[in-house]
Amino acid sequence: MDTSIAIQLIPFIVVWVLIQGLLGLSYYIVLRQLDPRRAWIALLILIPYVGYIILLYLHFITLNLLTSRLTRLEEMVSTKTPE
């Protein structure tokens, strides 16, 4: 996959994860009002979304590191004089 396409998809993925997390949180709130003893089960639903957010953050860091290193490498190659 081209890097520019991946960068363009990131906001949509972030919005999707946030919407799913909000749905899970609202499920927890409703379940807590109906049956407070079982409300902790709804919190288990939120665990994967926290993991998704952490993975997206790591993806941002990795993508930024790779693009900055590639940019520096391109600059080094373009300024190197042929022998």
PDB file of N, CA and C in Angstrom:
ATOM      1  N   MET A   1       0.846  -1.175   0.000  1.00  0.00           N
ATOM      2  CA  MET A   1       0.000   0.000   0.000  1.00  0.00           C
ATOM      3  C   MET A   1       0.890   1.237   0.000  1.00  0.00           C
ATOM      4  N   ASP A   2       0.520   2.196  -0.794  1.00  0.00           N
ATOM      5  CA  ASP A   2       1.280   3.428  -0.882  1.00  0.00           C
ATOM      6  C   ASP A   2       1.159   4.194   0.434  1.00  0.00           C
ATOM      7  N   THR A   3       2.245   4.831   0.856  1.00  0.00           N
ATOM      8  CA  THR A   3       2.259   5.543   2.129  1.00  0.00           C
ATOM      9  C   THR A   3       1.263   6.690   2.141  1.00  0.00           C
ATOM     10  N   SER A   4       1.115   7.398   1.028  1.00  0.00           N
ATOM     11  CA  SER A   4       0.186   8.529   1.002  1.00  0.00           C
ATOM     12  C   SER A   4      -1.255   8.061   1.178  1.00  0.00           C
ATOM     13  N   ILE A   5      -1.585   6.902   0.632  1.00  0.00           N
ATOM     14  CA  ILE A   5      -2.937   6.361   0.812  1.00  0.00           C
ATOM     15  C   ILE A   5      -3.152   5.978   2.271  1.00  0.00           C
ATOM     16  N   ALA A   6      -2.133   5.384   2.884  1.00  0.00           N
ATOM     17  CA  ALA A   6      -2.248   4.995   4.288  1.00  0.00           C
ATOM     18  C   ALA A   6      -2.423   6.226   5.179  1.00  0.00           C
ATOM     19  N   ILE A   7      -1.706   7.289   4.868  1.00  0.00           N
ATOM     20  CA  ILE A   7      -1.827   8.516   5.658  1.00  0.00           C
ATOM     21  C   ILE A   7      -3.225   9.103   5.501  1.00  0.00           C
ATOM     22  N   GLN A   8      -3.800   9.013   4.324  1.00  0.00           N
ATOM     23  CA  GLN A   8      -5.143   9.539   4.106  1.00  0.00           C
ATOM     24  C   GLN A   8      -6.208   8.697   4.806  1.00  0.00           C
ATOM     25  N   LEU A   9      -5.946   7.425   5.023  1.00  0.00           N
ATOM     26  CA  LEU A   9      -6.931   6.554   5.682  1.00  0.00           C
ATOM     27  C   LEU A   9      -6.916   6.684   7.201  1.00  0.00           C
ATOM     28  N   ILE A  10      -5.847   7.186   7.760  1.00  0.00           N
ATOM     29  CA  ILE A  10      -5.708   7.232   9.214  1.00  0.00           C
ATOM     30  C   ILE A  10      -6.835   8.016   9.894  1.00  0.00           C
ATOM     31  N   PRO A  11      -7.226   9.207   9.415  1.00  0.00           N
ATOM     32  CA  PRO A  11      -8.328   9.912  10.097  1.00  0.00           C
ATOM     33  C   PRO A  11      -9.634   9.115  10.113  1.00  0.00           C
ATOM     34  N   PHE A  12      -9.937   8.400   9.041  1.00  0.00           N
ATOM     35  CA  PHE A  12     -11.158   7.597   9.011  1.00  0.00           C
ATOM     36  C   PHE A  12     -11.090   6.458  10.030  1.00  0.00           C
ATOM     37  N   ILE A  13      -9.926   5.856  10.157  1.00  0.00           N
ATOM     38  CA  ILE A  13      -9.761   4.770  11.125  1.00  0.00           C
ATOM     39  C   ILE A  13      -9.889   5.314  12.542  1.00  0.00           C
ATOM     40  N   VAL A  14      -9.292   6.465  12.799  1.00  0.00           N
ATOM     41  CA  VAL A  14      -9.369   7.073  14.130  1.00  0.00           C
ATOM     42  C   VAL A  14     -10.821   7.401  14.475  1.00  0.00           C
ATOM     43  N   VAL A  15     -11.557   7.981  13.541  1.00  0.00           N
ATOM     44  CA  VAL A  15     -12.963   8.312  13.782  1.00  0.00           C
ATOM     45  C   VAL A  15     -13.774   7.042  14.032  1.00  0.00           C
ATOM     46  N   TRP A  16     -13.509   5.995  13.258  1.00  0.00           N
ATOM     47  CA  TRP A  16     -14.232   4.739  13.449  1.00  0.00           C
ATOM     48  C   TRP A  16     -13.976   4.164  14.844  1.00  0.00           C
ATOM     49  N   VAL A  17     -12.721   4.177  15.277  1.00  0.00           N
ATOM     50  CA  VAL A  17     -12.386   3.644  16.596  1.00  0.00           C
ATOM     51  C   VAL A  17     -13.035   4.479  17.689  1.00  0.00           C
ATOM     52  N   LEU A  18     -13.032   5.799  17.535  1.00  0.00           N
ATOM     53  CA  LEU A  18     -13.662   6.658  18.544  1.00  0.00           C
ATOM     54  C   LEU A  18     -15.168   6.425  18.624  1.00  0.00           C
ATOM     55  N   ILE A  19     -15.806   6.255  17.465  1.00  0.00           N
ATOM     56  CA  ILE A  19     -17.256   5.992  17.466  1.00  0.00           C
ATOM     57  C   ILE A  19     -17.552   4.662  18.143  1.00  0.00           C
ATOM     58  N   GLN A  20     -16.760   3.641  17.833  1.00  0.00           N
ATOM     59  CA  GLN A  20     -16.977   2.335  18.465  1.00  0.00           C
ATOM     60  C   GLN A  20     -16.736   2.408  19.972  1.00  0.00           C
ATOM     61  N   GLY A  21     -15.733   3.160  20.374  1.00  0.00           N
ATOM     62  CA  GLY A  21     -15.465   3.335  21.802  1.00  0.00           C
ATOM     63  C   GLY A  21     -16.595   4.062  22.505  1.00  0.00           C
ATOM     64  N   LEU A  22     -17.158   5.078  21.866  1.00  0.00           N
ATOM     65  CA  LEU A  22     -18.292   5.798  22.451  1.00  0.00           C
ATOM     66  C   LEU A  22     -19.523   4.905  22.540  1.00  0.00           C
ATOM     67  N   LEU A  23     -19.724   4.058  21.535  1.00  0.00           N
ATOM     68  CA  LEU A  23     -20.844   3.112  21.611  1.00  0.00           C
ATOM     69  C   LEU A  23     -20.662   2.141  22.777  1.00  0.00           C
ATOM     70  N   GLY A  24     -19.439   1.651  22.957  1.00  0.00           N
ATOM     71  CA  GLY A  24     -19.172   0.763  24.084  1.00  0.00           C
ATOM     72  C   GLY A  24     -19.358   1.462  25.424  1.00  0.00           C
ATOM     73  N   LEU A  25     -18.953   2.726  25.498  1.00  0.00           N
ATOM     74  CA  LEU A  25     -19.124   3.486  26.735  1.00  0.00           C
ATOM     75  C   LEU A  25     -20.603   3.744  27.022  1.00  0.00           C
ATOM     76  N   SER A  26     -21.370   4.052  25.990  1.00  0.00           N
ATOM     77  CA  SER A  26     -22.805   4.255  26.200  1.00  0.00           C
ATOM     78  C   SER A  26     -23.484   2.943  26.619  1.00  0.00           C
ATOM     79  N   TYR A  27     -23.018   1.828  26.060  1.00  0.00           N
ATOM     80  CA  TYR A  27     -23.540   0.523  26.469  1.00  0.00           C
ATOM     81  C   TYR A  27     -23.262   0.282  27.950  1.00  0.00           C
ATOM     82  N   TYR A  28     -22.066   0.662  28.398  1.00  0.00           N
ATOM     83  CA  TYR A  28     -21.711   0.520  29.813  1.00  0.00           C
ATOM     84  C   TYR A  28     -22.637   1.366  30.681  1.00  0.00           C
ATOM     85  N   ILE A  29     -22.892   2.603  30.259  1.00  0.00           N
ATOM     86  CA  ILE A  29     -23.733   3.501  31.060  1.00  0.00           C
ATOM     87  C   ILE A  29     -25.155   2.961  31.166  1.00  0.00           C
ATOM     88  N   VAL A  30     -25.702   2.489  30.034  1.00  0.00           N
ATOM     89  CA  VAL A  30     -27.060   1.949  30.054  1.00  0.00           C
ATOM     90  C   VAL A  30     -27.118   0.680  30.894  1.00  0.00           C
ATOM     91  N   LEU A  31     -26.141  -0.202  30.730  1.00  0.00           N
ATOM     92  CA  LEU A  31     -26.137  -1.445  31.491  1.00  0.00           C
ATOM     93  C   LEU A  31     -25.953  -1.185  32.979  1.00  0.00           C
ATOM     94  N   ARG A  32     -25.183  -0.147  33.318  1.00  0.00           N
ATOM     95  CA  ARG A  32     -24.984   0.189  34.726  1.00  0.00           C
ATOM     96  C   ARG A  32     -26.295   0.634  35.358  1.00  0.00           C
ATOM     97  N   GLN A  33     -27.123   1.336  34.598  1.00  0.00           N
ATOM     98  CA  GLN A  33     -28.418   1.774  35.130  1.00  0.00           C
ATOM     99  C   GLN A  33     -29.388   0.605  35.264  1.00  0.00           C
ATOM    100  N   LEU A  34     -29.298  -0.370  34.347  1.00  0.00           N
ATOM    101  CA  LEU A  34     -30.215  -1.510  34.396  1.00  0.00           C
ATOM    102  C   LEU A  34     -29.789  -2.547  35.428  1.00  0.00           C
ATOM    103  N   ASP A  35     -28.510  -2.886  35.434  1.00  0.00           N
ATOM    104  CA  ASP A  35     -28.005  -3.913  36.346  1.00  0.00           C
ATOM    105  C   ASP A  35     -26.585  -3.557  36.765  1.00  0.00           C
ATOM    106  N   PRO A  36     -26.442  -2.854  37.880  1.00  0.00           N
ATOM    107  CA  PRO A  36     -25.110  -2.390  38.298  1.00  0.00           C
ATOM    108  C   PRO A  36     -24.108  -3.521  38.563  1.00  0.00           C
ATOM    109  N   ARG A  37     -24.617  -4.712  38.926  1.00  0.00           N
ATOM    110  CA  ARG A  37     -23.702  -5.813  39.224  1.00  0.00           C
ATOM    111  C   ARG A  37     -23.000  -6.344  37.979  1.00  0.00           C
ATOM    112  N   ARG A  38     -23.624  -6.215  36.814  1.00  0.00           N
ATOM    113  CA  ARG A  38     -23.037  -6.743  35.584  1.00  0.00           C
ATOM    114  C   ARG A  38     -22.436  -5.662  34.685  1.00  0.00           C
ATOM    115  N   ALA A  39     -22.370  -4.454  35.179  1.00  0.00           N
ATOM    116  CA  ALA A  39     -21.877  -3.350  34.349  1.00  0.00           C
ATOM    117  C   ALA A  39     -20.400  -3.517  33.997  1.00  0.00           C
ATOM    118  N   TRP A  40     -19.629  -4.202  34.829  1.00  0.00           N
ATOM    119  CA  TRP A  40     -18.199  -4.375  34.543  1.00  0.00           C
ATOM    120  C   TRP A  40     -17.980  -5.178  33.275  1.00  0.00           C
ATOM    121  N   ILE A  41     -18.955  -6.005  32.898  1.00  0.00           N
ATOM    122  CA  ILE A  41     -18.850  -6.787  31.658  1.00  0.00           C
ATOM    123  C   ILE A  41     -18.772  -5.843  30.448  1.00  0.00           C
ATOM    124  N   ALA A  42     -19.529  -4.753  30.510  1.00  0.00           N
ATOM    125  CA  ALA A  42     -19.499  -3.794  29.408  1.00  0.00           C
ATOM    126  C   ALA A  42     -18.133  -3.129  29.288  1.00  0.00           C
ATOM    127  N   LEU A  43     -17.421  -3.007  30.390  1.00  0.00           N
ATOM    128  CA  LEU A  43     -16.077  -2.432  30.334  1.00  0.00           C
ATOM    129  C   LEU A  43     -15.119  -3.333  29.557  1.00  0.00           C
ATOM    130  N   LEU A  44     -15.373  -4.643  29.573  1.00  0.00           N
ATOM    131  CA  LEU A  44     -14.535  -5.562  28.803  1.00  0.00           C
ATOM    132  C   LEU A  44     -14.638  -5.280  27.303  1.00  0.00           C
ATOM    133  N   ILE A  45     -15.789  -4.757  26.886  1.00  0.00           N
ATOM    134  CA  ILE A  45     -15.966  -4.426  25.476  1.00  0.00           C
ATOM    135  C   ILE A  45     -15.019  -3.296  25.069  1.00  0.00           C
ATOM    136  N   LEU A  46     -14.699  -2.406  25.997  1.00  0.00           N
ATOM    137  CA  LEU A  46     -13.863  -1.247  25.684  1.00  0.00           C
ATOM    138  C   LEU A  46     -12.377  -1.591  25.593  1.00  0.00           C
ATOM    139  N   ILE A  47     -11.963  -2.726  26.114  1.00  0.00           N
ATOM    140  CA  ILE A  47     -10.537  -3.084  26.117  1.00  0.00           C
ATOM    141  C   ILE A  47      -9.948  -3.135  24.698  1.00  0.00           C
ATOM    142  N   PRO A  48     -10.603  -3.781  23.727  1.00  0.00           N
ATOM    143  CA  PRO A  48     -10.009  -3.780  22.377  1.00  0.00           C
ATOM    144  C   PRO A  48      -9.864  -2.385  21.780  1.00  0.00           C
ATOM    145  N   TYR A  49     -10.784  -1.475  22.080  1.00  0.00           N
ATOM    146  CA  TYR A  49     -10.713  -0.147  21.508  1.00  0.00           C
ATOM    147  C   TYR A  49      -9.568   0.663  22.103  1.00  0.00           C
ATOM    148  N   VAL A  50      -9.273   0.436  23.354  1.00  0.00           N
ATOM    149  CA  VAL A  50      -8.088   1.065  23.952  1.00  0.00           C
ATOM    150  C   VAL A  50      -6.838   0.527  23.254  1.00  0.00           C
ATOM    151  N   GLY A  51      -6.831  -0.769  22.964  1.00  0.00           N
ATOM    152  CA  GLY A  51      -5.713  -1.351  22.231  1.00  0.00           C
ATOM    153  C   GLY A  51      -5.587  -0.782  20.832  1.00  0.00           C
ATOM    154  N   TYR A  52      -6.740  -0.569  20.165  1.00  0.00           N
ATOM    155  CA  TYR A  52      -6.704   0.033  18.828  1.00  0.00           C
ATOM    156  C   TYR A  52      -6.094   1.426  18.869  1.00  0.00           C
ATOM    157  N   ILE A  53      -6.478   2.208  19.864  1.00  0.00           N
ATOM    158  CA  ILE A  53      -5.951   3.570  19.979  1.00  0.00           C
ATOM    159  C   ILE A  53      -4.452   3.534  20.221  1.00  0.00           C
ATOM    160  N   ILE A  54      -3.979   2.618  21.048  1.00  0.00           N
ATOM    161  CA  ILE A  54      -2.538   2.495  21.294  1.00  0.00           C
ATOM    162  C   ILE A  54      -1.817   2.074  20.019  1.00  0.00           C
ATOM    163  N   LEU A  55      -2.378   1.120  19.282  1.00  0.00           N
ATOM    164  CA  LEU A  55      -1.754   0.688  18.027  1.00  0.00           C
ATOM    165  C   LEU A  55      -1.730   1.811  16.986  1.00  0.00           C
ATOM    166  N   LEU A  56      -2.791   2.609  16.920  1.00  0.00           N
ATOM    167  CA  LEU A  56      -2.795   3.738  15.996  1.00  0.00           C
ATOM    168  C   LEU A  56      -1.726   4.751  16.358  1.00  0.00           C
ATOM    169  N   TYR A  57      -1.560   4.995  17.668  1.00  0.00           N
ATOM    170  CA  TYR A  57      -0.525   5.925  18.115  1.00  0.00           C
ATOM    171  C   TYR A  57       0.862   5.403  17.735  1.00  0.00           C
ATOM    172  N   LEU A  58       1.087   4.115  17.948  1.00  0.00           N
ATOM    173  CA  LEU A  58       2.375   3.527  17.558  1.00  0.00           C
ATOM    174  C   LEU A  58       2.560   3.578  16.047  1.00  0.00           C
ATOM    175  N   HIS A  59       1.471   3.417  15.306  1.00  0.00           N
ATOM    176  CA  HIS A  59       1.551   3.510  13.847  1.00  0.00           C
ATOM    177  C   HIS A  59       1.960   4.926  13.424  1.00  0.00           C
ATOM    178  N   PHE A  60       1.385   5.937  14.080  1.00  0.00           N
ATOM    179  CA  PHE A  60       1.770   7.319  13.788  1.00  0.00           C
ATOM    180  C   PHE A  60       3.254   7.527  14.029  1.00  0.00           C
ATOM    181  N   ILE A  61       3.747   7.049  15.169  1.00  0.00           N
ATOM    182  CA  ILE A  61       5.166   7.229  15.502  1.00  0.00           C
ATOM    183  C   ILE A  61       6.044   6.523  14.470  1.00  0.00           C
ATOM    184  N   THR A  62       5.708   5.282  14.151  1.00  0.00           N
ATOM    185  CA  THR A  62       6.502   4.517  13.194  1.00  0.00           C
ATOM    186  C   THR A  62       6.483   5.171  11.816  1.00  0.00           C
ATOM    187  N   LEU A  63       5.313   5.606  11.387  1.00  0.00           N
ATOM    188  CA  LEU A  63       5.194   6.237  10.075  1.00  0.00           C
ATOM    189  C   LEU A  63       5.989   7.536  10.017  1.00  0.00           C
ATOM    190  N   ASN A  64       5.946   8.321  11.083  1.00  0.00           N
ATOM    191  CA  ASN A  64       6.709   9.567  11.119  1.00  0.00           C
ATOM    192  C   ASN A  64       8.205   9.295  11.107  1.00  0.00           C
ATOM    193  N   LEU A  65       8.652   8.284  11.857  1.00  0.00           N
ATOM    194  CA  LEU A  65      10.077   7.953  11.861  1.00  0.00           C
ATOM    195  C   LEU A  65      10.542   7.484  10.490  1.00  0.00           C
ATOM    196  N   LEU A  66       9.741   6.635   9.860  1.00  0.00           N
ATOM    197  CA  LEU A  66      10.127   6.129   8.542  1.00  0.00           C
ATOM    198  C   LEU A  66      10.172   7.235   7.489  1.00  0.00           C
ATOM    199  N   THR A  67       9.171   8.098   7.497  1.00  0.00           N
ATOM    200  CA  THR A  67       9.162   9.164   6.497  1.00  0.00           C
ATOM    201  C   THR A  67      10.290  10.155   6.733  1.00  0.00           C
ATOM    202  N   SER A  68      10.614  10.445   7.991  1.00  0.00           N
ATOM    203  CA  SER A  68      11.717  11.379   8.238  1.00  0.00           C
ATOM    204  C   SER A  68      13.052  10.759   7.838  1.00  0.00           C
ATOM    205  N   ARG A  69      13.234   9.476   8.091  1.00  0.00           N
ATOM    206  CA  ARG A  69      14.478   8.812   7.691  1.00  0.00           C
ATOM    207  C   ARG A  69      14.587   8.710   6.176  1.00  0.00           C
ATOM    208  N   LEU A  70      13.469   8.423   5.516  1.00  0.00           N
ATOM    209  CA  LEU A  70      13.488   8.361   4.052  1.00  0.00           C
ATOM    210  C   LEU A  70      13.792   9.726   3.445  1.00  0.00           C
ATOM    211  N   THR A  71      13.253  10.772   4.054  1.00  0.00           N
ATOM    212  CA  THR A  71      13.527  12.119   3.558  1.00  0.00           C
ATOM    213  C   THR A  71      15.001  12.454   3.706  1.00  0.00           C
ATOM    214  N   ARG A  72      15.570  12.121   4.862  1.00  0.00           N
ATOM    215  CA  ARG A  72      17.000  12.384   5.066  1.00  0.00           C
ATOM    216  C   ARG A  72      17.855  11.564   4.098  1.00  0.00           C
ATOM    217  N   LEU A  73      17.452  10.318   3.861  1.00  0.00           N
ATOM    218  CA  LEU A  73      18.199   9.473   2.935  1.00  0.00           C
ATOM    219  C   LEU A  73      18.124  10.021   1.507  1.00  0.00           C
ATOM    220  N   GLU A  74      16.948  10.486   1.111  1.00  0.00           N
ATOM    221  CA  GLU A  74      16.808  11.090  -0.216  1.00  0.00           C
ATOM    222  C   GLU A  74      17.671  12.340  -0.345  1.00  0.00           C
ATOM    223  N   GLU A  75      17.735  13.143   0.716  1.00  0.00           N
ATOM    224  CA  GLU A  75      18.570  14.344   0.683  1.00  0.00           C
ATOM    225  C   GLU A  75      20.042  13.972   0.560  1.00  0.00           C
ATOM    226  N   MET A  76      20.453  12.939   1.284  1.00  0.00           N
ATOM    227  CA  MET A  76      21.849  12.517   1.217  1.00  0.00           C
ATOM    228  C   MET A  76      22.190  12.002  -0.179  1.00  0.00           C
ATOM    229  N   VAL A  77      21.284  11.228  -0.765  1.00  0.00           N
ATOM    230  CA  VAL A  77      21.543  10.670  -2.091  1.00  0.00           C
ATOM    231  C   VAL A  77      21.548  11.767  -3.152  1.00  0.00           C
ATOM    232  N   SER A  78      20.648  12.730  -3.024  1.00  0.00           N
ATOM    233  CA  SER A  78      20.567  13.775  -4.047  1.00  0.00           C
ATOM    234  C   SER A  78      21.739  14.752  -3.969  1.00  0.00           C
ATOM    235  N   THR A  79      22.321  14.930  -2.781  1.00  0.00           N
ATOM    236  CA  THR A  79      23.449  15.862  -2.657  1.00  0.00           C
ATOM    237  C   THR A  79      24.788  15.193  -2.908  1.00  0.00           C
ATOM    238  N   LYS A  80      24.808  13.871  -2.965  1.00  0.00           N
ATOM    239  CA  LYS A  80      26.065  13.156  -3.203  1.00  0.00           C
ATOM    240  C   LYS A  80      26.486  13.335  -4.663  1.00  0.00           C
ATOM    241  N   THR A  81      27.734  13.719  -4.865  1.00  0.00           N
ATOM    242  CA  THR A  81      28.219  13.949  -6.227  1.00  0.00           C
ATOM    243  C   THR A  81      28.706  12.639  -6.830  1.00  0.00           C
ATOM    244  N   PRO A  82      28.408  12.418  -8.100  1.00  0.00           N
ATOM    245  CA  PRO A  82      28.884  11.177  -8.737  1.00  0.00           C
ATOM    246  C   PRO A  82      30.393  11.213  -8.941  1.00  0.00           C
ATOM    247  N   GLU A  83      31.013  10.071  -8.821  1.00  0.00           N
ATOM    248  CA  GLU A  83      32.479   9.998  -8.945  1.00  0.00           C
ATOM    249  C   GLU A  83      32.907   9.648 -10.347  1.00  0.00           C
TER     250      GLU A  83
END
